[in-house]
Amino acid sequence: MHDYLSMSHTTGRTLEFTSFSVDPEKRKIYSDPEVNIRIIKDKGLKDRYQVRFFSDYDVHVHHEHERGLDYAFRMLSGIRSVMIGLYEGGPEFDIRGIIEGFYGTPWSHEDRLDALDFMKEAGMNAYFYAPKDDSYHRHLWRTPYPKRELGHLLELVDRANRNLVDFYFSISPGNDFDYAKDHEFELLFNKIDQLLEHGVTRFALLLDDIDYELKGENKDRFKRPGLAHAFITNRLNNHLKKKLKDYVLVMCPTEYAQNWNTVYRKDLKETMDPDVVVFWTGYNTVAEYIPDHDGERVRDIFGHELILWDNFPVNDMATDRIFLGPIVNRGKTA
């Protein structure tokens, strides 16, 4: 027992097994005839698991998501004896993954497939597709993905699904979006529907790294950028609600860093739908430290749940270096 085991409560008495093996593909556990194994869905565990060994050789494996069952299988693999009691484990963070959200040459299709395989082995569960220099993600956001590029995206979705990784399709229209024009929203929804119609249920609206000063009709109507950004987010959120029973929408605000309140953040807190999750990068774009206190403070400021966009080990601001050191100075909930 090793992978993802975080806590155990045992009696000190030991159960011995002649054989005990797991088959992750068939989602089954095999053992001696006297062993009664039950795999039980248990709401609330998320990606974590609980395994109970009873003195009468009953074994109960509790999980909610299939990832939790995978982590339980890793923990149980190859055991021959175990003390009676409760074993708990799994990843501590709800969302653990990779954002391909940098500037410069995007990853190749093969690189992305390889990254999704790596994520399964590393226990990650989320991949955000958001390469800044994919023209159809940012510059040509109004244009549907051509057949070839859409086919590549759907291959990524399929690989992510097989690896139990949640695929988030991200779009970044903020450079030239006209919030006062209904036709702009139609184009945005059509682009989102390209992936939605193929089973994608997780999306991110990225409004980072843009000139967010309102001009002309947009300024007359919305007054402040935070109100315009809440408006586009809410309309997209309502579109997803009409189309999907279960979905996730994440929004990256233009003011994604720093730890203090602003008029922009106050507008998002007061007018943006409360079920939308917000990205935040720490006190700086690349933060040397992110203590729990900062996250708790900024969550209260935004009034929304946060996802930490940890800009490590990005090197698009120092392309002559590759950062391979460990991540340090992070709080337990960061």
C-alpha atoms as a PDB file:
ATOM      1  CA  MET A   1       0.000   0.000   0.000  1.00  0.00           C
ATOM      2  CA  HIS A   2       1.496   3.341  -0.992  1.00  0.00           C
ATOM      3  CA  ASP A   3      -0.036   5.512  -3.726  1.00  0.00           C
ATOM      4  CA  TYR A   4      -2.459   8.147  -2.440  1.00  0.00           C
ATOM      5  CA  LEU A   5      -2.912   6.575   1.018  1.00  0.00           C
ATOM      6  CA  SER A   6      -3.223   9.471   3.457  1.00  0.00           C
ATOM      7  CA  MET A   7      -4.751   8.020   6.633  1.00  0.00           C
ATOM      8  CA  SER A   8      -5.559   4.693   8.271  1.00  0.00           C
ATOM      9  CA  HIS A   9      -7.442   3.612  11.399  1.00  0.00           C
ATOM     10  CA  THR A  10      -6.717  -0.005  12.287  1.00  0.00           C
ATOM     11  CA  THR A  11      -7.346  -2.540  15.054  1.00  0.00           C
ATOM     12  CA  GLY A  12      -3.879  -4.076  14.997  1.00  0.00           C
ATOM     13  CA  ARG A  13      -5.237  -7.430  13.795  1.00  0.00           C
ATOM     14  CA  THR A  14      -4.114  -8.685  10.406  1.00  0.00           C
ATOM     15  CA  LEU A  15      -5.941 -10.331   7.512  1.00  0.00           C
ATOM     16  CA  GLU A  16      -3.903 -12.655   5.296  1.00  0.00           C
ATOM     17  CA  PHE A  17      -4.645 -13.272   1.600  1.00  0.00           C
ATOM     18  CA  THR A  18      -3.403 -16.035  -0.655  1.00  0.00           C
ATOM     19  CA  SER A  19      -4.156 -13.848  -3.662  1.00  0.00           C
ATOM     20  CA  PHE A  20      -5.351 -10.282  -4.089  1.00  0.00           C
ATOM     21  CA  SER A  21      -5.252  -8.519  -7.464  1.00  0.00           C
ATOM     22  CA  VAL A  22      -6.948  -5.627  -9.192  1.00  0.00           C
ATOM     23  CA  ASP A  23      -8.017  -5.220 -12.813  1.00  0.00           C
ATOM     24  CA  PRO A  24      -8.425  -1.472 -13.482  1.00  0.00           C
ATOM     25  CA  GLU A  25      -9.726  -2.052 -17.013  1.00  0.00           C
ATOM     26  CA  LYS A  26     -12.584  -4.314 -15.873  1.00  0.00           C
ATOM     27  CA  ARG A  27     -13.004  -2.312 -12.635  1.00  0.00           C
ATOM     28  CA  LYS A  28     -12.796  -5.516 -10.569  1.00  0.00           C
ATOM     29  CA  ILE A  29     -10.855  -6.920  -7.626  1.00  0.00           C
ATOM     30  CA  TYR A  30     -10.078 -10.630  -7.342  1.00  0.00           C
ATOM     31  CA  SER A  31      -9.131 -12.530  -4.212  1.00  0.00           C
ATOM     32  CA  ASP A  32      -9.653 -15.757  -2.229  1.00  0.00           C
ATOM     33  CA  PRO A  33     -13.130 -17.381  -2.258  1.00  0.00           C
ATOM     34  CA  GLU A  34     -13.873 -16.355   1.322  1.00  0.00           C
ATOM     35  CA  VAL A  35     -13.244 -12.691   0.558  1.00  0.00           C
ATOM     36  CA  ASN A  36     -16.411 -10.678  -0.168  1.00  0.00           C
ATOM     37  CA  ILE A  37     -15.507  -7.545  -2.120  1.00  0.00           C
ATOM     38  CA  ARG A  38     -18.003  -4.724  -2.667  1.00  0.00           C
ATOM     39  CA  ILE A  39     -17.341  -1.606  -4.743  1.00  0.00           C
ATOM     40  CA  ILE A  40     -19.709   1.126  -3.559  1.00  0.00           C
ATOM     41  CA  LYS A  41     -20.563   4.537  -5.032  1.00  0.00           C
ATOM     42  CA  ASP A  42     -20.402   7.090  -2.230  1.00  0.00           C
ATOM     43  CA  LYS A  43     -21.435  10.684  -2.979  1.00  0.00           C
ATOM     44  CA  GLY A  44     -19.187  13.316  -1.477  1.00  0.00           C
ATOM     45  CA  LEU A  45     -15.820  11.592  -1.823  1.00  0.00           C
ATOM     46  CA  LYS A  46     -15.018  13.344  -5.128  1.00  0.00           C
ATOM     47  CA  ASP A  47     -11.644  11.922  -6.254  1.00  0.00           C
ATOM     48  CA  ARG A  48     -10.894  10.349  -2.884  1.00  0.00           C
ATOM     49  CA  TYR A  49     -11.648   6.830  -1.653  1.00  0.00           C
ATOM     50  CA  GLN A  50     -12.218   4.780   1.490  1.00  0.00           C
ATOM     51  CA  VAL A  51     -11.412   1.077   1.847  1.00  0.00           C
ATOM     52  CA  ARG A  52     -12.692  -0.907   4.829  1.00  0.00           C
ATOM     53  CA  PHE A  53     -11.345  -4.336   5.757  1.00  0.00           C
ATOM     54  CA  PHE A  54     -13.587  -6.268   8.154  1.00  0.00           C
ATOM     55  CA  SER A  55     -12.655  -9.239  10.325  1.00  0.00           C
ATOM     56  CA  ASP A  56     -14.995 -11.559   8.362  1.00  0.00           C
ATOM     57  CA  TYR A  57     -13.036 -10.840   5.155  1.00  0.00           C
ATOM     58  CA  ASP A  58     -15.549  -8.334   3.837  1.00  0.00           C
ATOM     59  CA  VAL A  59     -13.793  -5.603   1.848  1.00  0.00           C
ATOM     60  CA  HIS A  60     -15.726  -2.434   0.985  1.00  0.00           C
ATOM     61  CA  VAL A  61     -14.250   0.030  -1.520  1.00  0.00           C
ATOM     62  CA  HIS A  62     -16.037   3.400  -1.471  1.00  0.00           C
ATOM     63  CA  HIS A  63     -15.611   5.941  -4.268  1.00  0.00           C
ATOM     64  CA  GLU A  64     -17.580   8.652  -6.083  1.00  0.00           C
ATOM     65  CA  HIS A  65     -15.670   9.354  -9.276  1.00  0.00           C
ATOM     66  CA  GLU A  66     -13.921   6.684 -11.337  1.00  0.00           C
ATOM     67  CA  ARG A  67     -10.648   8.463 -10.557  1.00  0.00           C
ATOM     68  CA  GLY A  68     -11.167   7.664  -6.877  1.00  0.00           C
ATOM     69  CA  LEU A  69     -11.587   4.014  -7.776  1.00  0.00           C
ATOM     70  CA  ASP A  70      -8.351   4.156  -9.767  1.00  0.00           C
ATOM     71  CA  TYR A  71      -6.494   5.559  -6.764  1.00  0.00           C
ATOM     72  CA  ALA A  72      -7.980   2.847  -4.553  1.00  0.00           C
ATOM     73  CA  PHE A  73      -6.797   0.222  -7.044  1.00  0.00           C
ATOM     74  CA  ARG A  74      -3.281   1.673  -6.901  1.00  0.00           C
ATOM     75  CA  MET A  75      -3.353   1.485  -3.122  1.00  0.00           C
ATOM     76  CA  LEU A  76      -4.621  -2.113  -3.119  1.00  0.00           C
ATOM     77  CA  SER A  77      -2.368  -3.462  -5.843  1.00  0.00           C
ATOM     78  CA  GLY A  78      -0.288  -6.443  -4.743  1.00  0.00           C
ATOM     79  CA  ILE A  79      -1.276  -6.652  -1.074  1.00  0.00           C
ATOM     80  CA  ARG A  80      -0.952 -10.000   0.731  1.00  0.00           C
ATOM     81  CA  SER A  81      -1.757  -8.921   4.265  1.00  0.00           C
ATOM     82  CA  VAL A  82      -3.457  -5.909   5.789  1.00  0.00           C
ATOM     83  CA  MET A  83      -4.605  -4.789   9.208  1.00  0.00           C
ATOM     84  CA  ILE A  84      -8.354  -4.672   9.798  1.00  0.00           C
ATOM     85  CA  GLY A  85      -9.688  -1.129   9.655  1.00  0.00           C
ATOM     86  CA  LEU A  86     -10.354   1.909   7.492  1.00  0.00           C
ATOM     87  CA  TYR A  87      -7.969   3.279   4.871  1.00  0.00           C
ATOM     88  CA  GLU A  88      -8.524   6.679   3.278  1.00  0.00           C
ATOM     89  CA  GLY A  89      -6.713   8.438   0.478  1.00  0.00           C
ATOM     90  CA  GLY A  90      -6.684  10.208  -2.822  1.00  0.00           C
ATOM     91  CA  PRO A  91      -5.520  13.628  -3.997  1.00  0.00           C
ATOM     92  CA  GLU A  92      -6.047  16.587  -1.685  1.00  0.00           C
ATOM     93  CA  PHE A  93      -6.921  19.185  -4.354  1.00  0.00           C
ATOM     94  CA  ASP A  94     -10.227  19.009  -6.225  1.00  0.00           C
ATOM     95  CA  ILE A  95      -8.677  20.361  -9.450  1.00  0.00           C
ATOM     96  CA  ARG A  96      -5.142  19.340 -10.392  1.00  0.00           C
ATOM     97  CA  GLY A  97      -3.931  19.828 -13.899  1.00  0.00           C
ATOM     98  CA  ILE A  98      -2.318  21.713 -16.739  1.00  0.00           C
ATOM     99  CA  ILE A  99      -3.324  24.913 -18.487  1.00  0.00           C
ATOM    100  CA  GLU A 100      -1.829  25.206 -21.942  1.00  0.00           C
ATOM    101  CA  GLY A 101      -2.235  28.951 -21.775  1.00  0.00           C
ATOM    102  CA  PHE A 102       1.165  30.375 -22.690  1.00  0.00           C
ATOM    103  CA  TYR A 103       2.412  32.640 -25.496  1.00  0.00           C
ATOM    104  CA  GLY A 104       4.610  31.337 -28.285  1.00  0.00           C
ATOM    105  CA  THR A 105       4.537  28.214 -30.403  1.00  0.00           C
ATOM    106  CA  PRO A 106       1.684  25.992 -29.168  1.00  0.00           C
ATOM    107  CA  TRP A 107       2.322  22.358 -28.367  1.00  0.00           C
ATOM    108  CA  SER A 108       2.037  19.917 -31.217  1.00  0.00           C
ATOM    109  CA  HIS A 109      -0.921  17.564 -31.323  1.00  0.00           C
ATOM    110  CA  GLU A 110       1.372  14.692 -30.326  1.00  0.00           C
ATOM    111  CA  ASP A 111       2.710  16.734 -27.388  1.00  0.00           C
ATOM    112  CA  ARG A 112      -0.819  17.262 -26.112  1.00  0.00           C
ATOM    113  CA  LEU A 113      -1.699  13.580 -26.366  1.00  0.00           C
ATOM    114  CA  ASP A 114       1.504  12.754 -24.501  1.00  0.00           C
ATOM    115  CA  ALA A 115       0.693  15.333 -21.831  1.00  0.00           C
ATOM    116  CA  LEU A 116      -2.749  13.778 -21.296  1.00  0.00           C
ATOM    117  CA  ASP A 117      -1.128  10.355 -20.795  1.00  0.00           C
ATOM    118  CA  PHE A 118       1.334  11.885 -18.328  1.00  0.00           C
ATOM    119  CA  MET A 119      -1.537  13.519 -16.437  1.00  0.00           C
ATOM    120  CA  LYS A 120      -3.227  10.176 -15.848  1.00  0.00           C
ATOM    121  CA  GLU A 121      -0.053   8.714 -14.381  1.00  0.00           C
ATOM    122  CA  ALA A 122       0.552  11.818 -12.260  1.00  0.00           C
ATOM    123  CA  GLY A 123      -2.970  11.840 -10.789  1.00  0.00           C
ATOM    124  CA  MET A 124      -4.039  15.067 -12.515  1.00  0.00           C
ATOM    125  CA  ASN A 125      -7.655  15.542 -13.508  1.00  0.00           C
ATOM    126  CA  ALA A 126      -7.989  18.736 -15.577  1.00  0.00           C
ATOM    127  CA  TYR A 127      -6.587  19.970 -18.895  1.00  0.00           C
ATOM    128  CA  PHE A 128      -7.440  23.503 -20.037  1.00  0.00           C
ATOM    129  CA  TYR A 129      -6.967  23.988 -23.756  1.00  0.00           C
ATOM    130  CA  ALA A 130      -6.038  27.675 -24.075  1.00  0.00           C
ATOM    131  CA  PRO A 131      -2.889  28.260 -26.174  1.00  0.00           C
ATOM    132  CA  LYS A 132      -2.620  32.012 -26.693  1.00  0.00           C
ATOM    133  CA  ASP A 133      -1.249  31.604 -30.221  1.00  0.00           C
ATOM    134  CA  ASP A 134      -3.896  29.206 -31.473  1.00  0.00           C
ATOM    135  CA  SER A 135      -5.530  31.748 -33.798  1.00  0.00           C
ATOM    136  CA  TYR A 136      -8.973  30.163 -33.411  1.00  0.00           C
ATOM    137  CA  HIS A 137      -8.750  30.453 -29.624  1.00  0.00           C
ATOM    138  CA  ARG A 138      -8.004  34.176 -29.481  1.00  0.00           C
ATOM    139  CA  HIS A 139      -7.525  36.200 -32.688  1.00  0.00           C
ATOM    140  CA  LEU A 140     -10.073  34.303 -34.826  1.00  0.00           C
ATOM    141  CA  TRP A 141     -12.418  33.442 -31.981  1.00  0.00           C
ATOM    142  CA  ARG A 142     -15.460  34.175 -34.192  1.00  0.00           C
ATOM    143  CA  THR A 143     -14.400  31.602 -36.798  1.00  0.00           C
ATOM    144  CA  PRO A 144     -15.446  27.973 -36.230  1.00  0.00           C
ATOM    145  CA  TYR A 145     -12.623  25.457 -36.063  1.00  0.00           C
ATOM    146  CA  PRO A 146     -11.964  23.988 -39.518  1.00  0.00           C
ATOM    147  CA  LYS A 147     -12.497  20.256 -39.955  1.00  0.00           C
ATOM    148  CA  ARG A 148      -8.851  19.265 -39.424  1.00  0.00           C
ATOM    149  CA  GLU A 149      -8.332  21.409 -36.305  1.00  0.00           C
ATOM    150  CA  LEU A 150     -11.682  20.337 -34.869  1.00  0.00           C
ATOM    151  CA  GLY A 151     -10.721  16.703 -35.450  1.00  0.00           C
ATOM    152  CA  HIS A 152      -7.538  17.219 -33.434  1.00  0.00           C
ATOM    153  CA  LEU A 153      -9.507  18.806 -30.597  1.00  0.00           C
ATOM    154  CA  LEU A 154     -11.915  15.878 -30.531  1.00  0.00           C
ATOM    155  CA  GLU A 155      -8.978  13.453 -30.382  1.00  0.00           C
ATOM    156  CA  LEU A 156      -7.813  15.328 -27.293  1.00  0.00           C
ATOM    157  CA  VAL A 157     -11.290  15.122 -25.787  1.00  0.00           C
ATOM    158  CA  ASP A 158     -11.366  11.366 -26.416  1.00  0.00           C
ATOM    159  CA  ARG A 159      -7.900  10.821 -24.909  1.00  0.00           C
ATOM    160  CA  ALA A 160      -8.808  12.957 -21.905  1.00  0.00           C
ATOM    161  CA  ASN A 161     -12.010  10.961 -21.347  1.00  0.00           C
ATOM    162  CA  ARG A 162     -10.148   7.656 -21.549  1.00  0.00           C
ATOM    163  CA  ASN A 163      -7.572   8.951 -19.073  1.00  0.00           C
ATOM    164  CA  LEU A 164     -10.250  10.277 -16.684  1.00  0.00           C
ATOM    165  CA  VAL A 165      -9.035  13.833 -17.250  1.00  0.00           C
ATOM    166  CA  ASP A 166     -11.622  16.627 -17.502  1.00  0.00           C
ATOM    167  CA  PHE A 167     -11.189  18.563 -20.761  1.00  0.00           C
ATOM    168  CA  TYR A 168     -11.894  22.307 -20.534  1.00  0.00           C
ATOM    169  CA  PHE A 169     -12.357  24.155 -23.800  1.00  0.00           C
ATOM    170  CA  SER A 170     -11.272  27.765 -23.400  1.00  0.00           C
ATOM    171  CA  ILE A 171     -11.987  30.763 -25.591  1.00  0.00           C
ATOM    172  CA  SER A 172     -10.525  34.265 -25.390  1.00  0.00           C
ATOM    173  CA  PRO A 173     -12.646  36.867 -27.242  1.00  0.00           C
ATOM    174  CA  GLY A 174     -11.853  39.907 -25.099  1.00  0.00           C
ATOM    175  CA  ASN A 175      -9.505  41.777 -27.440  1.00  0.00           C
ATOM    176  CA  ASP A 176     -12.299  42.889 -29.767  1.00  0.00           C
ATOM    177  CA  PHE A 177     -15.617  41.610 -28.393  1.00  0.00           C
ATOM    178  CA  ASP A 178     -18.516  44.046 -28.794  1.00  0.00           C
ATOM    179  CA  TYR A 179     -20.691  43.533 -25.707  1.00  0.00           C
ATOM    180  CA  ALA A 180     -23.527  45.644 -27.133  1.00  0.00           C
ATOM    181  CA  LYS A 181     -24.076  43.478 -30.242  1.00  0.00           C
ATOM    182  CA  ASP A 182     -26.262  40.355 -30.032  1.00  0.00           C
ATOM    183  CA  HIS A 183     -24.570  38.982 -33.150  1.00  0.00           C
ATOM    184  CA  GLU A 184     -21.288  38.775 -31.234  1.00  0.00           C
ATOM    185  CA  PHE A 185     -22.937  36.493 -28.687  1.00  0.00           C
ATOM    186  CA  GLU A 186     -24.345  34.309 -31.456  1.00  0.00           C
ATOM    187  CA  LEU A 187     -20.820  33.833 -32.827  1.00  0.00           C
ATOM    188  CA  LEU A 188     -19.484  33.038 -29.357  1.00  0.00           C
ATOM    189  CA  PHE A 189     -22.223  30.494 -28.680  1.00  0.00           C
ATOM    190  CA  ASN A 190     -21.706  28.864 -32.090  1.00  0.00           C
ATOM    191  CA  LYS A 191     -18.023  28.416 -31.311  1.00  0.00           C
ATOM    192  CA  ILE A 192     -18.795  26.923 -27.906  1.00  0.00           C
ATOM    193  CA  ASP A 193     -21.425  24.621 -29.441  1.00  0.00           C
ATOM    194  CA  GLN A 194     -18.793  23.097 -31.742  1.00  0.00           C
ATOM    195  CA  LEU A 195     -17.339  21.353 -28.685  1.00  0.00           C
ATOM    196  CA  LEU A 196     -20.529  21.088 -26.643  1.00  0.00           C
ATOM    197  CA  GLU A 197     -22.127  19.014 -29.391  1.00  0.00           C
ATOM    198  CA  HIS A 198     -19.282  16.515 -29.078  1.00  0.00           C
ATOM    199  CA  GLY A 199     -19.702  15.942 -25.351  1.00  0.00           C
ATOM    200  CA  VAL A 200     -17.564  18.700 -23.819  1.00  0.00           C
ATOM    201  CA  THR A 201     -19.214  20.058 -20.662  1.00  0.00           C
ATOM    202  CA  ARG A 202     -16.446  22.211 -19.173  1.00  0.00           C
ATOM    203  CA  PHE A 203     -15.581  25.617 -20.539  1.00  0.00           C
ATOM    204  CA  ALA A 204     -13.441  28.627 -19.700  1.00  0.00           C
ATOM    205  CA  LEU A 205     -14.000  32.222 -20.779  1.00  0.00           C
ATOM    206  CA  LEU A 206     -10.622  33.957 -20.662  1.00  0.00           C
ATOM    207  CA  LEU A 207     -10.523  37.756 -20.472  1.00  0.00           C
ATOM    208  CA  ASP A 208      -6.889  38.001 -19.430  1.00  0.00           C
ATOM    209  CA  ASP A 209      -4.189  40.157 -21.047  1.00  0.00           C
ATOM    210  CA  ILE A 210      -6.540  42.506 -22.907  1.00  0.00           C
ATOM    211  CA  ASP A 211      -7.148  46.244 -23.065  1.00  0.00           C
ATOM    212  CA  TYR A 212     -10.383  46.313 -21.112  1.00  0.00           C
ATOM    213  CA  GLU A 213     -11.115  50.036 -21.333  1.00  0.00           C
ATOM    214  CA  LEU A 214     -14.639  50.404 -22.742  1.00  0.00           C
ATOM    215  CA  LYS A 215     -15.273  52.695 -25.666  1.00  0.00           C
ATOM    216  CA  GLY A 216     -18.235  54.072 -27.608  1.00  0.00           C
ATOM    217  CA  GLU A 217     -21.538  52.232 -27.242  1.00  0.00           C
ATOM    218  CA  ASN A 218     -20.039  49.721 -24.821  1.00  0.00           C
ATOM    219  CA  LYS A 219     -18.982  52.498 -22.451  1.00  0.00           C
ATOM    220  CA  ASP A 220     -22.339  54.220 -22.734  1.00  0.00           C
ATOM    221  CA  ARG A 221     -24.191  51.015 -21.930  1.00  0.00           C
ATOM    222  CA  PHE A 222     -21.980  49.264 -19.361  1.00  0.00           C
ATOM    223  CA  LYS A 223     -19.991  52.147 -17.828  1.00  0.00           C
ATOM    224  CA  ARG A 224     -17.282  49.913 -16.382  1.00  0.00           C
ATOM    225  CA  PRO A 225     -15.393  46.851 -17.680  1.00  0.00           C
ATOM    226  CA  GLY A 226     -16.353  44.671 -14.724  1.00  0.00           C
ATOM    227  CA  LEU A 227     -20.032  45.084 -15.588  1.00  0.00           C
ATOM    228  CA  ALA A 228     -19.377  44.228 -19.247  1.00  0.00           C
ATOM    229  CA  HIS A 229     -17.350  41.158 -18.264  1.00  0.00           C
ATOM    230  CA  ALA A 230     -20.066  39.989 -15.890  1.00  0.00           C
ATOM    231  CA  PHE A 231     -22.587  40.456 -18.709  1.00  0.00           C
ATOM    232  CA  ILE A 232     -20.743  38.288 -21.239  1.00  0.00           C
ATOM    233  CA  THR A 233     -20.044  35.659 -18.571  1.00  0.00           C
ATOM    234  CA  ASN A 234     -23.675  35.518 -17.468  1.00  0.00           C
ATOM    235  CA  ARG A 235     -24.961  35.228 -21.036  1.00  0.00           C
ATOM    236  CA  LEU A 236     -22.570  32.369 -21.735  1.00  0.00           C
ATOM    237  CA  ASN A 237     -23.506  30.746 -18.427  1.00  0.00           C
ATOM    238  CA  ASN A 238     -27.214  30.971 -19.316  1.00  0.00           C
ATOM    239  CA  HIS A 239     -26.520  29.468 -22.741  1.00  0.00           C
ATOM    240  CA  LEU A 240     -24.784  26.501 -21.118  1.00  0.00           C
ATOM    241  CA  LYS A 241     -27.649  26.079 -18.631  1.00  0.00           C
ATOM    242  CA  LYS A 242     -30.119  25.778 -21.488  1.00  0.00           C
ATOM    243  CA  LYS A 243     -27.983  23.161 -23.239  1.00  0.00           C
ATOM    244  CA  LEU A 244     -26.551  21.067 -20.409  1.00  0.00           C
ATOM    245  CA  LYS A 245     -27.718  19.585 -17.133  1.00  0.00           C
ATOM    246  CA  ASP A 246     -24.221  19.410 -15.638  1.00  0.00           C
ATOM    247  CA  TYR A 247     -21.428  21.729 -16.717  1.00  0.00           C
ATOM    248  CA  VAL A 248     -18.654  23.951 -15.370  1.00  0.00           C
ATOM    249  CA  LEU A 249     -17.837  27.497 -16.462  1.00  0.00           C
ATOM    250  CA  VAL A 250     -14.593  29.129 -15.375  1.00  0.00           C
ATOM    251  CA  MET A 251     -13.887  32.812 -16.005  1.00  0.00           C
ATOM    252  CA  CYS A 252     -10.467  34.462 -16.049  1.00  0.00           C
ATOM    253  CA  PRO A 253     -10.831  38.146 -15.183  1.00  0.00           C
ATOM    254  CA  THR A 254      -8.547  40.831 -16.592  1.00  0.00           C
ATOM    255  CA  GLU A 255      -7.486  41.594 -13.028  1.00  0.00           C
ATOM    256  CA  TYR A 256      -6.399  38.025 -12.359  1.00  0.00           C
ATOM    257  CA  ALA A 257      -3.470  38.813 -10.034  1.00  0.00           C
ATOM    258  CA  GLN A 258      -2.972  40.843  -6.837  1.00  0.00           C
ATOM    259  CA  ASN A 259      -4.617  40.463  -3.436  1.00  0.00           C
ATOM    260  CA  TRP A 260      -6.636  43.648  -2.957  1.00  0.00           C
ATOM    261  CA  ASN A 261     -10.128  44.754  -3.894  1.00  0.00           C
ATOM    262  CA  THR A 262     -10.943  46.967  -6.875  1.00  0.00           C
ATOM    263  CA  VAL A 263     -14.035  48.419  -8.519  1.00  0.00           C
ATOM    264  CA  TYR A 264     -13.651  45.769 -11.245  1.00  0.00           C
ATOM    265  CA  ARG A 265     -13.653  42.917  -8.743  1.00  0.00           C
ATOM    266  CA  LYS A 266     -16.525  44.456  -6.795  1.00  0.00           C
ATOM    267  CA  ASP A 267     -18.597  44.594  -9.993  1.00  0.00           C
ATOM    268  CA  LEU A 268     -17.908  40.909 -10.694  1.00  0.00           C
ATOM    269  CA  LYS A 269     -18.825  39.974  -7.135  1.00  0.00           C
ATOM    270  CA  GLU A 270     -22.126  41.850  -7.225  1.00  0.00           C
ATOM    271  CA  THR A 271     -23.321  41.056 -10.766  1.00  0.00           C
ATOM    272  CA  MET A 272     -21.702  37.840 -12.072  1.00  0.00           C
ATOM    273  CA  ASP A 273     -23.581  34.555 -11.610  1.00  0.00           C
ATOM    274  CA  PRO A 274     -22.439  32.952  -8.344  1.00  0.00           C
ATOM    275  CA  ASP A 275     -21.909  29.476  -9.828  1.00  0.00           C
ATOM    276  CA  VAL A 276     -19.131  30.707 -12.139  1.00  0.00           C
ATOM    277  CA  VAL A 277     -15.616  29.847 -10.939  1.00  0.00           C
ATOM    278  CA  VAL A 278     -12.849  32.476 -11.174  1.00  0.00           C
ATOM    279  CA  PHE A 279      -9.160  32.101 -12.047  1.00  0.00           C
ATOM    280  CA  TRP A 280      -6.531  33.813  -9.890  1.00  0.00           C
ATOM    281  CA  THR A 281      -2.718  33.656 -10.136  1.00  0.00           C
ATOM    282  CA  GLY A 282      -1.628  34.849  -6.706  1.00  0.00           C
ATOM    283  CA  TYR A 283      -0.249  38.211  -5.655  1.00  0.00           C
ATOM    284  CA  ASN A 284       1.577  38.446  -8.994  1.00  0.00           C
ATOM    285  CA  THR A 285       1.373  36.892 -12.452  1.00  0.00           C
ATOM    286  CA  VAL A 286       4.177  34.566 -11.379  1.00  0.00           C
ATOM    287  CA  ALA A 287       3.938  34.377  -7.589  1.00  0.00           C
ATOM    288  CA  GLU A 288       6.912  33.293  -5.509  1.00  0.00           C
ATOM    289  CA  TYR A 289       4.612  32.461  -2.609  1.00  0.00           C
ATOM    290  CA  ILE A 290       0.877  31.810  -2.267  1.00  0.00           C
ATOM    291  CA  PRO A 291      -0.200  31.363   1.375  1.00  0.00           C
ATOM    292  CA  ASP A 292      -3.651  30.144   2.385  1.00  0.00           C
ATOM    293  CA  HIS A 293      -4.493  33.583   3.749  1.00  0.00           C
ATOM    294  CA  ASP A 294      -4.143  35.192   0.323  1.00  0.00           C
ATOM    295  CA  GLY A 295      -6.472  32.697  -1.314  1.00  0.00           C
ATOM    296  CA  GLU A 296      -9.096  33.073   1.385  1.00  0.00           C
ATOM    297  CA  ARG A 297      -8.944  36.864   1.146  1.00  0.00           C
ATOM    298  CA  VAL A 298      -9.222  36.967  -2.655  1.00  0.00           C
ATOM    299  CA  ARG A 299     -12.087  34.437  -2.651  1.00  0.00           C
ATOM    300  CA  ASP A 300     -14.002  36.801  -0.387  1.00  0.00           C
ATOM    301  CA  ILE A 301     -13.121  39.750  -2.635  1.00  0.00           C
ATOM    302  CA  PHE A 302     -14.389  38.070  -5.798  1.00  0.00           C
ATOM    303  CA  GLY A 303     -17.312  36.384  -4.036  1.00  0.00           C
ATOM    304  CA  HIS A 304     -16.755  33.261  -6.150  1.00  0.00           C
ATOM    305  CA  GLU A 305     -14.906  29.999  -5.807  1.00  0.00           C
ATOM    306  CA  LEU A 306     -11.348  30.250  -7.129  1.00  0.00           C
ATOM    307  CA  ILE A 307      -9.080  28.080  -9.213  1.00  0.00           C
ATOM    308  CA  LEU A 308      -5.414  28.869  -8.778  1.00  0.00           C
ATOM    309  CA  TRP A 309      -3.779  29.425 -12.172  1.00  0.00           C
ATOM    310  CA  ASP A 310      -0.245  28.802 -10.944  1.00  0.00           C
ATOM    311  CA  ASN A 311       2.103  30.185 -13.607  1.00  0.00           C
ATOM    312  CA  PHE A 312       4.777  27.598 -12.964  1.00  0.00           C
ATOM    313  CA  PRO A 313       6.799  26.397 -14.808  1.00  0.00           C
ATOM    314  CA  VAL A 314       5.870  28.781 -17.654  1.00  0.00           C
ATOM    315  CA  ASN A 315       8.785  30.283 -19.545  1.00  0.00           C
ATOM    316  CA  ASP A 316       7.067  32.382 -22.230  1.00  0.00           C
ATOM    317  CA  MET A 317       8.555  35.449 -20.514  1.00  0.00           C
ATOM    318  CA  ALA A 318      12.032  33.859 -20.433  1.00  0.00           C
ATOM    319  CA  THR A 319      12.179  31.560 -23.431  1.00  0.00           C
ATOM    320  CA  ASP A 320      15.894  30.855 -23.058  1.00  0.00           C
ATOM    321  CA  ARG A 321      15.292  28.984 -19.792  1.00  0.00           C
ATOM    322  CA  ILE A 322      13.446  25.845 -18.724  1.00  0.00           C
ATOM    323  CA  PHE A 323      12.231  25.879 -15.131  1.00  0.00           C
ATOM    324  CA  LEU A 324      12.536  22.453 -13.543  1.00  0.00           C
ATOM    325  CA  GLY A 325      12.745  23.209  -9.822  1.00  0.00           C
ATOM    326  CA  PRO A 326      10.092  22.112  -7.322  1.00  0.00           C
ATOM    327  CA  ILE A 327       7.037  24.226  -6.539  1.00  0.00           C
ATOM    328  CA  VAL A 328       7.556  25.748  -3.089  1.00  0.00           C
ATOM    329  CA  ASN A 329       5.951  28.345  -0.822  1.00  0.00           C
ATOM    330  CA  ARG A 330       2.371  27.221  -1.464  1.00  0.00           C
ATOM    331  CA  GLY A 331      -0.245  26.924   1.249  1.00  0.00           C
ATOM    332  CA  LYS A 332      -2.090  23.679   1.831  1.00  0.00           C
ATOM    333  CA  THR A 333      -5.205  24.939   0.078  1.00  0.00           C
ATOM    334  CA  ALA A 334      -3.441  26.945  -2.653  1.00  0.00           C
END
